[in-house]
Structure formats: C-alpha cells, structure tokens
C-alpha cells in the first residue's frame, strides 16, 4: 500500500515562482479526439472510472512537451478526489523526460495539499500570481461549474500557458439531468440538507459543496468565453450508474432510467470534457 504524506499549503507566497522549465516545445498539431474516443468507449463499458481516464488525458498532453510544468486548478483533494492519481501526474512516471514542475491552485486554505507540489497558490486562479507563459499543461477536475466569471478564468489560463500549451477540463454538462437537479436543489436551499443526509457532513464525510453556476458548461459558452485559444476540442461521456453516488439505493432504478436515456442520446450526457490549446 502506498503511503502519502501531506502538508499545509505553505511556501506559496508572496513571491511567484520562476519558470523552472527549459522547454520551448509547442504542439502545433494536437489532435486528441481519436484517443479520447477510445477513452469514452472504455468509460461507457465501465472498465475504468472517469478519474483514471482523465489522468491519462493529462499525461497524453504532457508527452507533447519536454519536462512540462503542470498546473492543477483546484488541487486540494486530489484528481477528482484521488490523491494517488494526482501524485502519479506529479511523478510523471511514464514521461520520458520527467516533469519540470507540479503547481497547484487552491483557494480553500483549510485543505491540505500533497508534498509533491513544488508550488501551491492559495487563491482563485484569477487572483493567483502565476507567471505568464510558464505552464505547459493546466487542468481542472469539476471546478468549472463553480466559476462565476468564466471569461476571467479562461483569460488567466491563456495568459499562464506557453505558446501551444494545453488546458484540459472535466465538468458536468449544463443541461444534463444531474446538473439540472443540482441547480434546482441549490435554488430551493435543499442541496446541503440532502447531501448531509445521504453522504454525511460536508468536508469530512463527503466533498465540499461549493456554489455552482454552470456559466461555462456548454460548447457555445466555452467558445464564447475562451476565444483566445486557437483550438477547442470537446467530448461527452456517460455510463450506467453515473449518478448512483447521489441517490439512495431505493431511488437508483430511477437513475438507471436516466442513464439509459442519456446513453441513447435522448437527453444530454452528464460528463463534459474540453481541451483548449493556446
């Protein structure tokens, strides 16, 4: 069993880090869709969960650069809640030249970050002091739905990335059944109570339940708020049992019906993935 140690997000300010990477490589022909289709089929067949597949997508992008500097936006509790997968990205075990720097951005300073981070910025991305043209691959996992100002968010990412740099984001599609119900429960003030009853206390027994806006959770919204990027790639995932975690066992057959409709293309799929290249 692998044991990981943690530290508080110290040594994070006031001075921004120097750009530690010597890479000037750009990936002029980044064409991820064929490989993404393979990952989608694996996910649909329930062979792997989304976190490990998204990690593969990140590592695929890293391979386009020599000693890439990688930025995890919303890094606090790991990659989609998995600290071990996040540490695999930091170790770059499968990268021929290794990783240059592993940076994180986490505005919730009560959350501990892994010791494998070279630098952690205790701010929102927009407020962070990340140097311009310093990051090769940036990614976020279920962060975009919480962004109130998507234009500011994407502009900051574009500013931080090197030429040819890549941003990958996984989130919930705005018009999926899950996102719609999440918004309804938030508007009616029932979301926190429901999650407490179903999964336990916020931040202890379950994930932190931050406010959601879904302002950039469609293709049209991303293209509108991120026009500076020269390439935009998108894909949608869904699988049976997608929302089981959010339903008591007695209601899970209802969720399976939603899954069937999504898989048949009758209603939107839940998982929305974007890849943007500067």
Foldseek 3Di string as FASTA:
>chain_A
DDDFDWDFQPPADDDADDQQDPKQFADPDDDCVVVVVVLQVCVQVVVDDPQLSVLVVQLVQVLRIAQFEEEEAQCQQHRVNDPVSRVCSLQSPVHPRTHRFYEYEHCPRVGIHTPSHPHYFNRHLLPGPQAFQRGQEYEYEACVQQDPQLLSVLVSVNRRHHANGKYKYKHWACFAPVNVVCVVCVVVVNNQVLCCVQQNDDPPRDDHDHDGDNQQRDPVSCCVSNVVFPDKDKDAHAYAPRCVSSDDPVCSVVVRVSRVCCVVVNGPGTMMMMMTTD
